[in-house]
Amino acid sequence: MDTGISKVVEVVTVVLVVEVVVVVVVVVVVVLVVVVVLVVVVVVVVVVVVGGGGGGGVIVLVIVQAAMAMAVVLVVRAAGLTLLTFSLF
């Protein structure tokens, strides 16, 4: 009887630990994405102000697109990790 209970406790503990790790990873990734987006916004503003529009606009578009692509990739990776861990249990 005791071994059965301890086994259940073991499994539950492992699942909880994994879920906590996943949540932490997702939170870290989301924070990173937010930071990246904020940095990009600042860079864009600086480029627009310094460049005064003109050719700076193209650079801004490229930077924004690159940042958005990075953000999407990071979010997809985080979601993939979460789905992977949930499918294990």
PDB file of N, CA and C in Angstrom:
ATOM      1  N   MET A   1       0.839  -1.203   0.000  1.00  0.00           N
ATOM      2  CA  MET A   1       0.000   0.000   0.000  1.00  0.00           C
ATOM      3  C   MET A   1       0.878   1.259   0.000  1.00  0.00           C
ATOM      4  N   ASP A   2       1.896   1.245   0.863  1.00  0.00           N
ATOM      5  CA  ASP A   2       2.776   2.406   0.976  1.00  0.00           C
ATOM      6  C   ASP A   2       3.516   2.682  -0.333  1.00  0.00           C
ATOM      7  N   THR A   3       3.981   1.603  -0.990  1.00  0.00           N
ATOM      8  CA  THR A   3       4.735   1.783  -2.235  1.00  0.00           C
ATOM      9  C   THR A   3       3.850   2.423  -3.302  1.00  0.00           C
ATOM     10  N   GLY A   4       2.583   2.022  -3.361  1.00  0.00           N
ATOM     11  CA  GLY A   4       1.653   2.601  -4.337  1.00  0.00           C
ATOM     12  C   GLY A   4       1.469   4.087  -4.111  1.00  0.00           C
ATOM     13  N   ILE A   5       1.272   4.475  -2.849  1.00  0.00           N
ATOM     14  CA  ILE A   5       1.073   5.885  -2.510  1.00  0.00           C
ATOM     15  C   ILE A   5       2.332   6.688  -2.830  1.00  0.00           C
ATOM     16  N   SER A   6       3.490   6.154  -2.451  1.00  0.00           N
ATOM     17  CA  SER A   6       4.747   6.873  -2.695  1.00  0.00           C
ATOM     18  C   SER A   6       4.989   7.036  -4.195  1.00  0.00           C
ATOM     19  N   LYS A   7       4.570   6.023  -4.972  1.00  0.00           N
ATOM     20  CA  LYS A   7       4.731   6.092  -6.433  1.00  0.00           C
ATOM     21  C   LYS A   7       3.878   7.238  -6.994  1.00  0.00           C
ATOM     22  N   VAL A   8       2.633   7.325  -6.533  1.00  0.00           N
ATOM     23  CA  VAL A   8       1.728   8.396  -6.978  1.00  0.00           C
ATOM     24  C   VAL A   8       2.315   9.753  -6.607  1.00  0.00           C
ATOM     25  N   VAL A   9       2.785   9.870  -5.361  1.00  0.00           N
ATOM     26  CA  VAL A   9       3.385  11.127  -4.906  1.00  0.00           C
ATOM     27  C   VAL A   9       4.580  11.494  -5.784  1.00  0.00           C
ATOM     28  N   GLU A  10       5.389  10.482  -6.117  1.00  0.00           N
ATOM     29  CA  GLU A  10       6.556  10.694  -6.977  1.00  0.00           C
ATOM     30  C   GLU A  10       6.139  11.272  -8.331  1.00  0.00           C
ATOM     31  N   VAL A  11       5.168  10.618  -8.973  1.00  0.00           N
ATOM     32  CA  VAL A  11       4.698  11.041 -10.301  1.00  0.00           C
ATOM     33  C   VAL A  11       4.132  12.454 -10.239  1.00  0.00           C
ATOM     34  N   VAL A  12       3.287  12.709  -9.226  1.00  0.00           N
ATOM     35  CA  VAL A  12       2.680  14.043  -9.077  1.00  0.00           C
ATOM     36  C   VAL A  12       3.767  15.097  -8.895  1.00  0.00           C
ATOM     37  N   THR A  13       4.764  14.781  -8.075  1.00  0.00           N
ATOM     38  CA  THR A  13       5.870  15.718  -7.839  1.00  0.00           C
ATOM     39  C   THR A  13       6.596  16.028  -9.143  1.00  0.00           C
ATOM     40  N   VAL A  14       6.907  14.988  -9.914  1.00  0.00           N
ATOM     41  CA  VAL A  14       7.605  15.176 -11.193  1.00  0.00           C
ATOM     42  C   VAL A  14       6.780  16.060 -12.124  1.00  0.00           C
ATOM     43  N   VAL A  15       5.477  15.763 -12.225  1.00  0.00           N
ATOM     44  CA  VAL A  15       4.588  16.545 -13.100  1.00  0.00           C
ATOM     45  C   VAL A  15       4.571  18.004 -12.660  1.00  0.00           C
ATOM     46  N   LEU A  16       4.435  18.234 -11.355  1.00  0.00           N
ATOM     47  CA  LEU A  16       4.395  19.607 -10.835  1.00  0.00           C
ATOM     48  C   LEU A  16       5.695  20.344 -11.135  1.00  0.00           C
ATOM     49  N   VAL A  17       6.825  19.670 -10.902  1.00  0.00           N
ATOM     50  CA  VAL A  17       8.129  20.289 -11.164  1.00  0.00           C
ATOM     51  C   VAL A  17       8.246  20.661 -12.636  1.00  0.00           C
ATOM     52  N   VAL A  18       7.864  19.726 -13.510  1.00  0.00           N
ATOM     53  CA  VAL A  18       7.939  19.978 -14.957  1.00  0.00           C
ATOM     54  C   VAL A  18       7.055  21.160 -15.333  1.00  0.00           C
ATOM     55  N   GLU A  19       5.836  21.195 -14.782  1.00  0.00           N
ATOM     56  CA  GLU A  19       4.918  22.294 -15.105  1.00  0.00           C
ATOM     57  C   GLU A  19       5.477  23.627 -14.633  1.00  0.00           C
ATOM     58  N   VAL A  20       6.057  23.650 -13.436  1.00  0.00           N
ATOM     59  CA  VAL A  20       6.660  24.884 -12.922  1.00  0.00           C
ATOM     60  C   VAL A  20       7.788  25.339 -13.843  1.00  0.00           C
ATOM     61  N   VAL A  21       8.633  24.387 -14.252  1.00  0.00           N
ATOM     62  CA  VAL A  21       9.743  24.706 -15.159  1.00  0.00           C
ATOM     63  C   VAL A  21       9.204  25.284 -16.464  1.00  0.00           C
ATOM     64  N   VAL A  22       8.162  24.645 -17.013  1.00  0.00           N
ATOM     65  CA  VAL A  22       7.565  25.111 -18.272  1.00  0.00           C
ATOM     66  C   VAL A  22       7.036  26.531 -18.110  1.00  0.00           C
ATOM     67  N   VAL A  23       6.312  26.768 -17.015  1.00  0.00           N
ATOM     68  CA  VAL A  23       5.757  28.108 -16.771  1.00  0.00           C
ATOM     69  C   VAL A  23       6.878  29.134 -16.685  1.00  0.00           C
ATOM     70  N   VAL A  24       7.948  28.793 -15.953  1.00  0.00           N
ATOM     71  CA  VAL A  24       9.090  29.707 -15.820  1.00  0.00           C
ATOM     72  C   VAL A  24       9.697  29.993 -17.189  1.00  0.00           C
ATOM     73  N   VAL A  25       9.890  28.939 -17.993  1.00  0.00           N
ATOM     74  CA  VAL A  25      10.468  29.104 -19.331  1.00  0.00           C
ATOM     75  C   VAL A  25       9.588  30.022 -20.179  1.00  0.00           C
ATOM     76  N   VAL A  26       8.276  29.771 -20.163  1.00  0.00           N
ATOM     77  CA  VAL A  26       7.349  30.585 -20.956  1.00  0.00           C
ATOM     78  C   VAL A  26       7.400  32.036 -20.502  1.00  0.00           C
ATOM     79  N   VAL A  27       7.393  32.260 -19.183  1.00  0.00           N
ATOM     80  CA  VAL A  27       7.449  33.631 -18.656  1.00  0.00           C
ATOM     81  C   VAL A  27       8.735  34.319 -19.104  1.00  0.00           C
ATOM     82  N   VAL A  28       9.857  33.609 -18.992  1.00  0.00           N
ATOM     83  CA  VAL A  28      11.150  34.176 -19.407  1.00  0.00           C
ATOM     84  C   VAL A  28      11.119  34.543 -20.886  1.00  0.00           C
ATOM     85  N   VAL A  29      10.584  33.641 -21.710  1.00  0.00           N
ATOM     86  CA  VAL A  29      10.513  33.893 -23.157  1.00  0.00           C
ATOM     87  C   VAL A  29       9.637  35.107 -23.446  1.00  0.00           C
ATOM     88  N   VAL A  30       8.479  35.178 -22.780  1.00  0.00           N
ATOM     89  CA  VAL A  30       7.576  36.319 -22.989  1.00  0.00           C
ATOM     90  C   VAL A  30       8.275  37.620 -22.598  1.00  0.00           C
ATOM     91  N   VAL A  31       8.967  37.611 -21.455  1.00  0.00           N
ATOM     92  CA  VAL A  31       9.706  38.802 -21.016  1.00  0.00           C
ATOM     93  C   VAL A  31      10.756  39.181 -22.056  1.00  0.00           C
ATOM     94  N   LEU A  32      11.480  38.175 -22.574  1.00  0.00           N
ATOM     95  CA  LEU A  32      12.495  38.431 -23.603  1.00  0.00           C
ATOM     96  C   LEU A  32      11.860  39.069 -24.838  1.00  0.00           C
ATOM     97  N   VAL A  33      10.719  38.525 -25.257  1.00  0.00           N
ATOM     98  CA  VAL A  33      10.023  39.061 -26.435  1.00  0.00           C
ATOM     99  C   VAL A  33       9.648  40.514 -26.195  1.00  0.00           C
ATOM    100  N   VAL A  34       9.090  40.801 -25.020  1.00  0.00           N
ATOM    101  CA  VAL A  34       8.697  42.178 -24.689  1.00  0.00           C
ATOM    102  C   VAL A  34       9.912  43.094 -24.726  1.00  0.00           C
ATOM    103  N   VAL A  35      11.023  42.642 -24.129  1.00  0.00           N
ATOM    104  CA  VAL A  35      12.253  43.441 -24.119  1.00  0.00           C
ATOM    105  C   VAL A  35      12.730  43.699 -25.545  1.00  0.00           C
ATOM    106  N   VAL A  36      12.739  42.646 -26.374  1.00  0.00           N
ATOM    107  CA  VAL A  36      13.173  42.786 -27.772  1.00  0.00           C
ATOM    108  C   VAL A  36      12.304  43.810 -28.496  1.00  0.00           C
ATOM    109  N   VAL A  37      10.987  43.695 -28.320  1.00  0.00           N
ATOM    110  CA  VAL A  37      10.065  44.623 -28.985  1.00  0.00           C
ATOM    111  C   VAL A  37      10.318  46.051 -28.511  1.00  0.00           C
ATOM    112  N   LEU A  38      10.498  46.237 -27.200  1.00  0.00           N
ATOM    113  CA  LEU A  38      10.765  47.578 -26.661  1.00  0.00           C
ATOM    114  C   LEU A  38      12.052  48.150 -27.243  1.00  0.00           C
ATOM    115  N   VAL A  39      13.105  47.332 -27.279  1.00  0.00           N
ATOM    116  CA  VAL A  39      14.388  47.773 -27.843  1.00  0.00           C
ATOM    117  C   VAL A  39      14.204  48.184 -29.298  1.00  0.00           C
ATOM    118  N   VAL A  40      13.462  47.362 -30.049  1.00  0.00           N
ATOM    119  CA  VAL A  40      13.220  47.662 -31.466  1.00  0.00           C
ATOM    120  C   VAL A  40      12.472  48.982 -31.614  1.00  0.00           C
ATOM    121  N   VAL A  41      11.452  49.191 -30.775  1.00  0.00           N
ATOM    122  CA  VAL A  41      10.687  50.446 -30.834  1.00  0.00           C
ATOM    123  C   VAL A  41      11.613  51.630 -30.591  1.00  0.00           C
ATOM    124  N   VAL A  42      12.476  51.522 -29.577  1.00  0.00           N
ATOM    125  CA  VAL A  42      13.423  52.603 -29.273  1.00  0.00           C
ATOM    126  C   VAL A  42      14.346  52.847 -30.462  1.00  0.00           C
ATOM    127  N   VAL A  43      14.892  51.759 -31.024  1.00  0.00           N
ATOM    128  CA  VAL A  43      15.794  51.877 -32.182  1.00  0.00           C
ATOM    129  C   VAL A  43      15.072  52.548 -33.346  1.00  0.00           C
ATOM    130  N   VAL A  44      13.835  52.115 -33.597  1.00  0.00           N
ATOM    131  CA  VAL A  44      13.045  52.681 -34.698  1.00  0.00           C
ATOM    132  C   VAL A  44      12.854  54.178 -34.493  1.00  0.00           C
ATOM    133  N   VAL A  45      12.473  54.565 -33.275  1.00  0.00           N
ATOM    134  CA  VAL A  45      12.262  55.988 -32.976  1.00  0.00           C
ATOM    135  C   VAL A  45      13.549  56.771 -33.211  1.00  0.00           C
ATOM    136  N   VAL A  46      14.668  56.244 -32.712  1.00  0.00           N
ATOM    137  CA  VAL A  46      15.965  56.914 -32.883  1.00  0.00           C
ATOM    138  C   VAL A  46      16.303  57.049 -34.359  1.00  0.00           C
ATOM    139  N   VAL A  47      16.138  55.961 -35.123  1.00  0.00           N
ATOM    140  CA  VAL A  47      16.459  55.981 -36.557  1.00  0.00           C
ATOM    141  C   VAL A  47      15.593  57.006 -37.281  1.00  0.00           C
ATOM    142  N   VAL A  48      14.299  57.022 -36.960  1.00  0.00           N
ATOM    143  CA  VAL A  48      13.382  57.965 -37.620  1.00  0.00           C
ATOM    144  C   VAL A  48      13.767  59.399 -37.274  1.00  0.00           C
ATOM    145  N   VAL A  49      14.046  59.655 -35.989  1.00  0.00           N
ATOM    146  CA  VAL A  49      14.405  61.009 -35.557  1.00  0.00           C
ATOM    147  C   VAL A  49      15.726  61.449 -36.186  1.00  0.00           C
ATOM    148  N   VAL A  50      16.735  60.565 -36.128  1.00  0.00           N
ATOM    149  CA  VAL A  50      18.059  60.909 -36.666  1.00  0.00           C
ATOM    150  C   VAL A  50      18.025  60.970 -38.190  1.00  0.00           C
ATOM    151  N   GLY A  51      17.407  59.944 -38.803  1.00  0.00           N
ATOM    152  CA  GLY A  51      17.372  59.864 -40.262  1.00  0.00           C
ATOM    153  C   GLY A  51      16.419  60.870 -40.887  1.00  0.00           C
ATOM    154  N   GLY A  52      15.453  61.354 -40.105  1.00  0.00           N
ATOM    155  CA  GLY A  52      14.481  62.313 -40.625  1.00  0.00           C
ATOM    156  C   GLY A  52      13.631  61.716 -41.728  1.00  0.00           C
ATOM    157  N   GLY A  53      13.220  60.440 -41.537  1.00  0.00           N
ATOM    158  CA  GLY A  53      12.381  59.792 -42.555  1.00  0.00           C
ATOM    159  C   GLY A  53      13.249  59.309 -43.701  1.00  0.00           C
ATOM    160  N   GLY A  54      12.894  59.669 -44.934  1.00  0.00           N
ATOM    161  CA  GLY A  54      13.701  59.359 -46.119  1.00  0.00           C
ATOM    162  C   GLY A  54      14.106  57.902 -46.189  1.00  0.00           C
ATOM    163  N   GLY A  55      15.416  57.647 -46.383  1.00  0.00           N
ATOM    164  CA  GLY A  55      15.935  56.288 -46.513  1.00  0.00           C
ATOM    165  C   GLY A  55      15.846  55.519 -45.208  1.00  0.00           C
ATOM    166  N   GLY A  56      15.728  56.235 -44.089  1.00  0.00           N
ATOM    167  CA  GLY A  56      15.625  55.574 -42.793  1.00  0.00           C
ATOM    168  C   GLY A  56      14.390  54.710 -42.683  1.00  0.00           C
ATOM    169  N   GLY A  57      13.329  55.073 -43.414  1.00  0.00           N
ATOM    170  CA  GLY A  57      12.073  54.328 -43.347  1.00  0.00           C
ATOM    171  C   GLY A  57      12.231  52.871 -43.732  1.00  0.00           C
ATOM    172  N   VAL A  58      13.021  52.614 -44.786  1.00  0.00           N
ATOM    173  CA  VAL A  58      13.239  51.242 -45.260  1.00  0.00           C
ATOM    174  C   VAL A  58      13.950  50.430 -44.187  1.00  0.00           C
ATOM    175  N   ILE A  59      14.997  51.016 -43.601  1.00  0.00           N
ATOM    176  CA  ILE A  59      15.757  50.337 -42.541  1.00  0.00           C
ATOM    177  C   ILE A  59      14.826  49.999 -41.384  1.00  0.00           C
ATOM    178  N   VAL A  60      13.991  50.953 -41.013  1.00  0.00           N
ATOM    179  CA  VAL A  60      13.040  50.758 -39.913  1.00  0.00           C
ATOM    180  C   VAL A  60      12.139  49.571 -40.207  1.00  0.00           C
ATOM    181  N   LEU A  61      11.594  49.507 -41.423  1.00  0.00           N
ATOM    182  CA  LEU A  61      10.707  48.402 -41.804  1.00  0.00           C
ATOM    183  C   LEU A  61      11.419  47.067 -41.669  1.00  0.00           C
ATOM    184  N   VAL A  62      12.657  46.992 -42.168  1.00  0.00           N
ATOM    185  CA  VAL A  62      13.435  45.748 -42.100  1.00  0.00           C
ATOM    186  C   VAL A  62      13.649  45.342 -40.648  1.00  0.00           C
ATOM    187  N   ILE A  63      14.041  46.311 -39.801  1.00  0.00           N
ATOM    188  CA  ILE A  63      14.294  46.027 -38.382  1.00  0.00           C
ATOM    189  C   ILE A  63      13.020  45.529 -37.708  1.00  0.00           C
ATOM    190  N   VAL A  64      11.901  46.203 -37.969  1.00  0.00           N
ATOM    191  CA  VAL A  64      10.626  45.818 -37.351  1.00  0.00           C
ATOM    192  C   VAL A  64      10.243  44.404 -37.770  1.00  0.00           C
ATOM    193  N   GLN A  65      10.371  44.107 -39.066  1.00  0.00           N
ATOM    194  CA  GLN A  65      10.017  42.772 -39.561  1.00  0.00           C
ATOM    195  C   GLN A  65      10.903  41.701 -38.931  1.00  0.00           C
ATOM    196  N   ALA A  66      12.201  41.974 -38.836  1.00  0.00           N
ATOM    197  CA  ALA A  66      13.129  41.017 -38.226  1.00  0.00           C
ATOM    198  C   ALA A  66      12.756  40.770 -36.767  1.00  0.00           C
ATOM    199  N   ALA A  67      12.451  41.840 -36.048  1.00  0.00           N
ATOM    200  CA  ALA A  67      12.091  41.724 -34.629  1.00  0.00           C
ATOM    201  C   ALA A  67      10.805  40.923 -34.459  1.00  0.00           C
ATOM    202  N   MET A  68       9.817  41.191 -35.316  1.00  0.00           N
ATOM    203  CA  MET A  68       8.543  40.475 -35.224  1.00  0.00           C
ATOM    204  C   MET A  68       8.746  38.991 -35.523  1.00  0.00           C
ATOM    205  N   ALA A  69       9.580  38.703 -36.523  1.00  0.00           N
ATOM    206  CA  ALA A  69       9.873  37.308 -36.858  1.00  0.00           C
ATOM    207  C   ALA A  69      10.520  36.606 -35.666  1.00  0.00           C
ATOM    208  N   MET A  70      11.485  37.284 -35.023  1.00  0.00           N
ATOM    209  CA  MET A  70      12.143  36.721 -33.842  1.00  0.00           C
ATOM    210  C   MET A  70      11.130  36.461 -32.735  1.00  0.00           C
ATOM    211  N   ALA A  71      10.269  37.444 -32.488  1.00  0.00           N
ATOM    212  CA  ALA A  71       9.260  37.316 -31.433  1.00  0.00           C
ATOM    213  C   ALA A  71       8.353  36.119 -31.701  1.00  0.00           C
ATOM    214  N   VAL A  72       7.908  35.981 -32.946  1.00  0.00           N
ATOM    215  CA  VAL A  72       7.027  34.869 -33.322  1.00  0.00           C
ATOM    216  C   VAL A  72       7.734  33.536 -33.094  1.00  0.00           C
ATOM    217  N   VAL A  73       8.998  33.450 -33.536  1.00  0.00           N
ATOM    218  CA  VAL A  73       9.769  32.213 -33.368  1.00  0.00           C
ATOM    219  C   VAL A  73       9.886  31.853 -31.892  1.00  0.00           C
ATOM    220  N   LEU A  74      10.209  32.858 -31.050  1.00  0.00           N
ATOM    221  CA  LEU A  74      10.355  32.615 -29.610  1.00  0.00           C
ATOM    222  C   LEU A  74       9.050  32.121 -29.003  1.00  0.00           C
ATOM    223  N   VAL A  75       7.943  32.771 -29.359  1.00  0.00           N
ATOM    224  CA  VAL A  75       6.637  32.387 -28.813  1.00  0.00           C
ATOM    225  C   VAL A  75       6.276  30.973 -29.252  1.00  0.00           C
ATOM    226  N   VAL A  76       6.516  30.663 -30.533  1.00  0.00           N
ATOM    227  CA  VAL A  76       6.203  29.325 -31.058  1.00  0.00           C
ATOM    228  C   VAL A  76       7.035  28.272 -30.332  1.00  0.00           C
ATOM    229  N   ARG A  77       8.320  28.577 -30.100  1.00  0.00           N
ATOM    230  CA  ARG A  77       9.187  27.644 -29.369  1.00  0.00           C
ATOM    231  C   ARG A  77       8.650  27.403 -27.966  1.00  0.00           C
ATOM    232  N   ALA A  78       8.263  28.473 -27.292  1.00  0.00           N
ATOM    233  CA  ALA A  78       7.735  28.349 -25.929  1.00  0.00           C
ATOM    234  C   ALA A  78       6.474  27.500 -25.932  1.00  0.00           C
ATOM    235  N   ALA A  79       5.573  27.771 -26.892  1.00  0.00           N
ATOM    236  CA  ALA A  79       4.329  27.007 -26.996  1.00  0.00           C
ATOM    237  C   ALA A  79       4.640  25.545 -27.297  1.00  0.00           C
ATOM    238  N   GLY A  80       5.624  25.315 -28.164  1.00  0.00           N
ATOM    239  CA  GLY A  80       6.030  23.952 -28.516  1.00  0.00           C
ATOM    240  C   GLY A  80       6.530  23.196 -27.303  1.00  0.00           C
ATOM    241  N   LEU A  81       7.356  23.852 -26.483  1.00  0.00           N
ATOM    242  CA  LEU A  81       7.864  23.239 -25.250  1.00  0.00           C
ATOM    243  C   LEU A  81       6.710  22.864 -24.331  1.00  0.00           C
ATOM    244  N   THR A  82       5.768  23.792 -24.181  1.00  0.00           N
ATOM    245  CA  THR A  82       4.618  23.553 -23.303  1.00  0.00           C
ATOM    246  C   THR A  82       3.818  22.357 -23.792  1.00  0.00           C
ATOM    247  N   LEU A  83       3.508  22.326 -25.084  1.00  0.00           N
ATOM    248  CA  LEU A  83       2.728  21.225 -25.656  1.00  0.00           C
ATOM    249  C   LEU A  83       3.473  19.910 -25.502  1.00  0.00           C
ATOM    250  N   LEU A  84       4.792  19.952 -25.723  1.00  0.00           N
ATOM    251  CA  LEU A  84       5.616  18.745 -25.615  1.00  0.00           C
ATOM    252  C   LEU A  84       5.537  18.165 -24.204  1.00  0.00           C
ATOM    253  N   THR A  85       5.692  19.028 -23.206  1.00  0.00           N
ATOM    254  CA  THR A  85       5.677  18.543 -21.818  1.00  0.00           C
ATOM    255  C   THR A  85       4.302  18.016 -21.442  1.00  0.00           C
ATOM    256  N   PHE A  86       3.240  18.673 -21.913  1.00  0.00           N
ATOM    257  CA  PHE A  86       1.895  18.202 -21.571  1.00  0.00           C
ATOM    258  C   PHE A  86       1.589  16.872 -22.262  1.00  0.00           C
ATOM    259  N   SER A  87       2.119  16.681 -23.463  1.00  0.00           N
ATOM    260  CA  SER A  87       1.856  15.432 -24.189  1.00  0.00           C
ATOM    261  C   SER A  87       2.592  14.256 -23.546  1.00  0.00           C
ATOM    262  N   LEU A  88       3.662  14.544 -22.785  1.00  0.00           N
ATOM    263  CA  LEU A  88       4.411  13.479 -22.108  1.00  0.00           C
ATOM    264  C   LEU A  88       3.593  12.856 -20.982  1.00  0.00           C
ATOM    265  N   PHE A  89       2.702  13.667 -20.386  1.00  0.00           N
ATOM    266  CA  PHE A  89       1.931  13.158 -19.241  1.00  0.00           C
ATOM    267  C   PHE A  89       0.467  12.972 -19.616  1.00  0.00           C
TER     268      PHE A  89
END
